[in-house]
Amino acid sequence: MGILFRSRRKVGSNLWLNLAKSGASLTARAGRASVNSRGRVTVRLAKGITWRIK
């Protein structure tokens, strides 16, 4: 299994900068939903359970 690199830095009250080997992206969060600059939408259904769209 390979080694993964991933880092997440908070840059605003509801904004994160995600750094990985494949590049960088921004994530904005509003309540239980978050939207990534690459088009991924994640909804938190319960503690530890999420639903990804795209």
PDB file of N, CA and C in Angstrom:
ATOM      1  N   MET A   1       0.844  -1.175   0.000  1.00  0.00           N
ATOM      2  CA  MET A   1       0.000   0.000   0.000  1.00  0.00           C
ATOM      3  C   MET A   1       0.888   1.235   0.000  1.00  0.00           C
ATOM      4  N   GLY A   2       0.532   2.238  -0.812  1.00  0.00           N
ATOM      5  CA  GLY A   2       1.334   3.445  -0.941  1.00  0.00           C
ATOM      6  C   GLY A   2       1.111   4.427   0.195  1.00  0.00           C
ATOM      7  N   ILE A   3       1.972   5.412   0.248  1.00  0.00           N
ATOM      8  CA  ILE A   3       1.873   6.471   1.251  1.00  0.00           C
ATOM      9  C   ILE A   3       1.047   7.606   0.674  1.00  0.00           C
ATOM     10  N   LEU A   4       0.088   8.091   1.451  1.00  0.00           N
ATOM     11  CA  LEU A   4      -0.778   9.191   1.017  1.00  0.00           C
ATOM     12  C   LEU A   4      -0.370  10.478   1.723  1.00  0.00           C
ATOM     13  N   PHE A   5      -0.458  11.586   0.999  1.00  0.00           N
ATOM     14  CA  PHE A   5      -0.207  12.901   1.587  1.00  0.00           C
ATOM     15  C   PHE A   5      -1.476  13.716   1.470  1.00  0.00           C
ATOM     16  N   ARG A   6      -1.931  14.243   2.599  1.00  0.00           N
ATOM     17  CA  ARG A   6      -3.126  15.081   2.585  1.00  0.00           C
ATOM     18  C   ARG A   6      -3.051  16.035   3.763  1.00  0.00           C
ATOM     19  N   SER A   7      -3.328  17.300   3.518  1.00  0.00           N
ATOM     20  CA  SER A   7      -3.284  18.305   4.569  1.00  0.00           C
ATOM     21  C   SER A   7      -4.481  19.227   4.413  1.00  0.00           C
ATOM     22  N   ARG A   8      -5.027  19.660   5.526  1.00  0.00           N
ATOM     23  CA  ARG A   8      -6.201  20.528   5.511  1.00  0.00           C
ATOM     24  C   ARG A   8      -5.926  21.713   6.421  1.00  0.00           C
ATOM     25  N   ARG A   9      -6.023  22.928   5.872  1.00  0.00           N
ATOM     26  CA  ARG A   9      -5.767  24.160   6.626  1.00  0.00           C
ATOM     27  C   ARG A   9      -7.017  25.032   6.609  1.00  0.00           C
ATOM     28  N   LYS A  10      -7.379  25.547   7.762  1.00  0.00           N
ATOM     29  CA  LYS A  10      -8.532  26.441   7.853  1.00  0.00           C
ATOM     30  C   LYS A  10      -8.101  27.834   7.428  1.00  0.00           C
ATOM     31  N   VAL A  11      -8.815  28.435   6.455  1.00  0.00           N
ATOM     32  CA  VAL A  11      -8.461  29.764   5.955  1.00  0.00           C
ATOM     33  C   VAL A  11      -9.562  30.795   6.208  1.00  0.00           C
ATOM     34  N   GLY A  12     -10.685  30.360   6.760  1.00  0.00           N
ATOM     35  CA  GLY A  12     -11.792  31.262   7.071  1.00  0.00           C
ATOM     36  C   GLY A  12     -12.722  30.588   8.057  1.00  0.00           C
ATOM     37  N   SER A  13     -13.828  31.254   8.387  1.00  0.00           N
ATOM     38  CA  SER A  13     -14.736  30.681   9.383  1.00  0.00           C
ATOM     39  C   SER A  13     -15.366  29.376   8.895  1.00  0.00           C
ATOM     40  N   ASN A  14     -15.705  29.282   7.617  1.00  0.00           N
ATOM     41  CA  ASN A  14     -16.293  28.066   7.042  1.00  0.00           C
ATOM     42  C   ASN A  14     -15.587  27.672   5.749  1.00  0.00           C
ATOM     43  N   LEU A  15     -14.272  27.930   5.671  1.00  0.00           N
ATOM     44  CA  LEU A  15     -13.523  27.685   4.443  1.00  0.00           C
ATOM     45  C   LEU A  15     -12.206  26.979   4.759  1.00  0.00           C
ATOM     46  N   TRP A  16     -11.913  25.908   4.020  1.00  0.00           N
ATOM     47  CA  TRP A  16     -10.684  25.145   4.212  1.00  0.00           C
ATOM     48  C   TRP A  16      -9.925  25.013   2.904  1.00  0.00           C
ATOM     49  N   LEU A  17      -8.609  24.980   3.001  1.00  0.00           N
ATOM     50  CA  LEU A  17      -7.730  24.722   1.872  1.00  0.00           C
ATOM     51  C   LEU A  17      -7.211  23.303   2.040  1.00  0.00           C
ATOM     52  N   ASN A  18      -7.475  22.453   1.048  1.00  0.00           N
ATOM     53  CA  ASN A  18      -7.066  21.059   1.079  1.00  0.00           C
ATOM     54  C   ASN A  18      -5.870  20.875   0.152  1.00  0.00           C
ATOM     55  N   LEU A  19      -4.785  20.328   0.677  1.00  0.00           N
ATOM     56  CA  LEU A  19      -3.588  20.082  -0.117  1.00  0.00           C
ATOM     57  C   LEU A  19      -3.341  18.583  -0.190  1.00  0.00           C
ATOM     58  N   ALA A  20      -3.099  18.080  -1.398  1.00  0.00           N
ATOM     59  CA  ALA A  20      -2.817  16.664  -1.601  1.00  0.00           C
ATOM     60  C   ALA A  20      -1.824  16.537  -2.748  1.00  0.00           C
ATOM     61  N   LYS A  21      -1.346  15.331  -2.953  1.00  0.00           N
ATOM     62  CA  LYS A  21      -0.403  15.088  -4.037  1.00  0.00           C
ATOM     63  C   LYS A  21      -1.016  15.449  -5.393  1.00  0.00           C
ATOM     64  N   SER A  22      -2.324  15.236  -5.534  1.00  0.00           N
ATOM     65  CA  SER A  22      -3.008  15.503  -6.805  1.00  0.00           C
ATOM     66  C   SER A  22      -3.306  16.978  -7.025  1.00  0.00           C
ATOM     67  N   GLY A  23      -3.105  17.835  -6.014  1.00  0.00           N
ATOM     68  CA  GLY A  23      -3.345  19.268  -6.176  1.00  0.00           C
ATOM     69  C   GLY A  23      -4.012  19.877  -4.957  1.00  0.00           C
ATOM     70  N   ALA A  24      -4.525  21.079  -5.131  1.00  0.00           N
ATOM     71  CA  ALA A  24      -5.173  21.806  -4.044  1.00  0.00           C
ATOM     72  C   ALA A  24      -6.634  22.065  -4.393  1.00  0.00           C
ATOM     73  N   SER A  25      -7.467  22.198  -3.362  1.00  0.00           N
ATOM     74  CA  SER A  25      -8.867  22.535  -3.565  1.00  0.00           C
ATOM     75  C   SER A  25      -9.369  23.289  -2.347  1.00  0.00           C
ATOM     76  N   LEU A  26     -10.490  23.954  -2.500  1.00  0.00           N
ATOM     77  CA  LEU A  26     -11.133  24.684  -1.410  1.00  0.00           C
ATOM     78  C   LEU A  26     -12.430  23.981  -1.047  1.00  0.00           C
ATOM     79  N   THR A  27     -12.776  24.009   0.225  1.00  0.00           N
ATOM     80  CA  THR A  27     -14.033  23.436   0.693  1.00  0.00           C
ATOM     81  C   THR A  27     -14.767  24.483   1.510  1.00  0.00           C
ATOM     82  N   ALA A  28     -16.036  24.721   1.153  1.00  0.00           N
ATOM     83  CA  ALA A  28     -16.899  25.636   1.896  1.00  0.00           C
ATOM     84  C   ALA A  28     -17.969  24.803   2.587  1.00  0.00           C
ATOM     85  N   ARG A  29     -18.248  25.131   3.838  1.00  0.00           N
ATOM     86  CA  ARG A  29     -19.195  24.354   4.610  1.00  0.00           C
ATOM     87  C   ARG A  29     -20.354  25.227   5.051  1.00  0.00           C
ATOM     88  N   ALA A  30     -21.579  24.695   4.920  1.00  0.00           N
ATOM     89  CA  ALA A  30     -22.787  25.392   5.355  1.00  0.00           C
ATOM     90  C   ALA A  30     -23.686  24.383   6.065  1.00  0.00           C
ATOM     91  N   GLY A  31     -23.698  24.413   7.362  1.00  0.00           N
ATOM     92  CA  GLY A  31     -24.513  23.468   8.118  1.00  0.00           C
ATOM     93  C   GLY A  31     -23.989  22.051   7.978  1.00  0.00           C
ATOM     94  N   ARG A  32     -24.831  21.137   7.542  1.00  0.00           N
ATOM     95  CA  ARG A  32     -24.448  19.741   7.387  1.00  0.00           C
ATOM     96  C   ARG A  32     -23.856  19.433   6.014  1.00  0.00           C
ATOM     97  N   ALA A  33     -23.874  20.392   5.098  1.00  0.00           N
ATOM     98  CA  ALA A  33     -23.385  20.162   3.743  1.00  0.00           C
ATOM     99  C   ALA A  33     -22.082  20.920   3.495  1.00  0.00           C
ATOM    100  N   SER A  34     -21.204  20.338   2.684  1.00  0.00           N
ATOM    101  CA  SER A  34     -19.991  21.023   2.268  1.00  0.00           C
ATOM    102  C   SER A  34     -19.828  20.847   0.769  1.00  0.00           C
ATOM    103  N   VAL A  35     -19.272  21.873   0.119  1.00  0.00           N
ATOM    104  CA  VAL A  35     -19.074  21.861  -1.323  1.00  0.00           C
ATOM    105  C   VAL A  35     -17.601  22.105  -1.600  1.00  0.00           C
ATOM    106  N   ASN A  36     -17.020  21.246  -2.427  1.00  0.00           N
ATOM    107  CA  ASN A  36     -15.621  21.328  -2.786  1.00  0.00           C
ATOM    108  C   ASN A  36     -15.478  22.088  -4.095  1.00  0.00           C
ATOM    109  N   SER A  37     -14.345  22.759  -4.301  1.00  0.00           N
ATOM    110  CA  SER A  37     -14.128  23.503  -5.539  1.00  0.00           C
ATOM    111  C   SER A  37     -14.018  22.579  -6.747  1.00  0.00           C
ATOM    112  N   ARG A  38     -13.821  21.294  -6.536  1.00  0.00           N
ATOM    113  CA  ARG A  38     -13.782  20.315  -7.625  1.00  0.00           C
ATOM    114  C   ARG A  38     -15.154  19.742  -7.943  1.00  0.00           C
ATOM    115  N   GLY A  39     -16.187  20.208  -7.250  1.00  0.00           N
ATOM    116  CA  GLY A  39     -17.551  19.791  -7.547  1.00  0.00           C
ATOM    117  C   GLY A  39     -18.111  18.709  -6.647  1.00  0.00           C
ATOM    118  N   ARG A  40     -17.382  18.263  -5.642  1.00  0.00           N
ATOM    119  CA  ARG A  40     -17.884  17.221  -4.748  1.00  0.00           C
ATOM    120  C   ARG A  40     -18.747  17.845  -3.663  1.00  0.00           C
ATOM    121  N   VAL A  41     -19.910  17.243  -3.435  1.00  0.00           N
ATOM    122  CA  VAL A  41     -20.823  17.684  -2.386  1.00  0.00           C
ATOM    123  C   VAL A  41     -20.901  16.564  -1.352  1.00  0.00           C
ATOM    124  N   THR A  42     -20.746  16.922  -0.082  1.00  0.00           N
ATOM    125  CA  THR A  42     -20.812  15.958   1.009  1.00  0.00           C
ATOM    126  C   THR A  42     -21.853  16.427   2.014  1.00  0.00           C
ATOM    127  N   VAL A  43     -22.733  15.513   2.417  1.00  0.00           N
ATOM    128  CA  VAL A  43     -23.774  15.821   3.395  1.00  0.00           C
ATOM    129  C   VAL A  43     -23.571  14.915   4.600  1.00  0.00           C
ATOM    130  N   ARG A  44     -23.508  15.509   5.781  1.00  0.00           N
ATOM    131  CA  ARG A  44     -23.362  14.732   7.013  1.00  0.00           C
ATOM    132  C   ARG A  44     -24.747  14.313   7.484  1.00  0.00           C
ATOM    133  N   LEU A  45     -25.003  12.996   7.490  1.00  0.00           N
ATOM    134  CA  LEU A  45     -26.307  12.476   7.889  1.00  0.00           C
ATOM    135  C   LEU A  45     -26.406  12.291   9.398  1.00  0.00           C
ATOM    136  N   ALA A  46     -25.356  11.792   9.999  1.00  0.00           N
ATOM    137  CA  ALA A  46     -25.288  11.598  11.448  1.00  0.00           C
ATOM    138  C   ALA A  46     -23.814  11.596  11.823  1.00  0.00           C
ATOM    139  N   LYS A  47     -23.521  11.512  13.088  1.00  0.00           N
ATOM    140  CA  LYS A  47     -22.134  11.517  13.540  1.00  0.00           C
ATOM    141  C   LYS A  47     -21.387  10.328  12.929  1.00  0.00           C
ATOM    142  N   GLY A  48     -20.389  10.628  12.100  1.00  0.00           N
ATOM    143  CA  GLY A  48     -19.576   9.585  11.467  1.00  0.00           C
ATOM    144  C   GLY A  48     -20.161   9.006  10.200  1.00  0.00           C
ATOM    145  N   ILE A  49     -21.338   9.456   9.769  1.00  0.00           N
ATOM    146  CA  ILE A  49     -21.974   8.938   8.550  1.00  0.00           C
ATOM    147  C   ILE A  49     -22.155  10.096   7.572  1.00  0.00           C
ATOM    148  N   THR A  50     -21.545   9.964   6.404  1.00  0.00           N
ATOM    149  CA  THR A  50     -21.654  11.013   5.376  1.00  0.00           C
ATOM    150  C   THR A  50     -22.125  10.408   4.064  1.00  0.00           C
ATOM    151  N   TRP A  51     -22.691  11.258   3.227  1.00  0.00           N
ATOM    152  CA  TRP A  51     -23.160  10.867   1.909  1.00  0.00           C
ATOM    153  C   TRP A  51     -22.484  11.766   0.901  1.00  0.00           C
ATOM    154  N   ARG A  52     -21.749  11.183  -0.043  1.00  0.00           N
ATOM    155  CA  ARG A  52     -21.047  11.944  -1.066  1.00  0.00           C
ATOM    156  C   ARG A  52     -21.801  11.920  -2.372  1.00  0.00           C
ATOM    157  N   ILE A  53     -21.896  13.089  -2.981  1.00  0.00           N
ATOM    158  CA  ILE A  53     -22.524  13.233  -4.292  1.00  0.00           C
ATOM    159  C   ILE A  53     -21.421  13.637  -5.261  1.00  0.00           C
ATOM    160  N   LYS A  54     -21.281  12.925  -6.349  1.00  0.00           N
ATOM    161  CA  LYS A  54     -20.233  13.118  -7.364  1.00  0.00           C
ATOM    162  C   LYS A  54     -18.967  12.536  -6.927  1.00  0.00           C
TER     163      LYS A  54
END
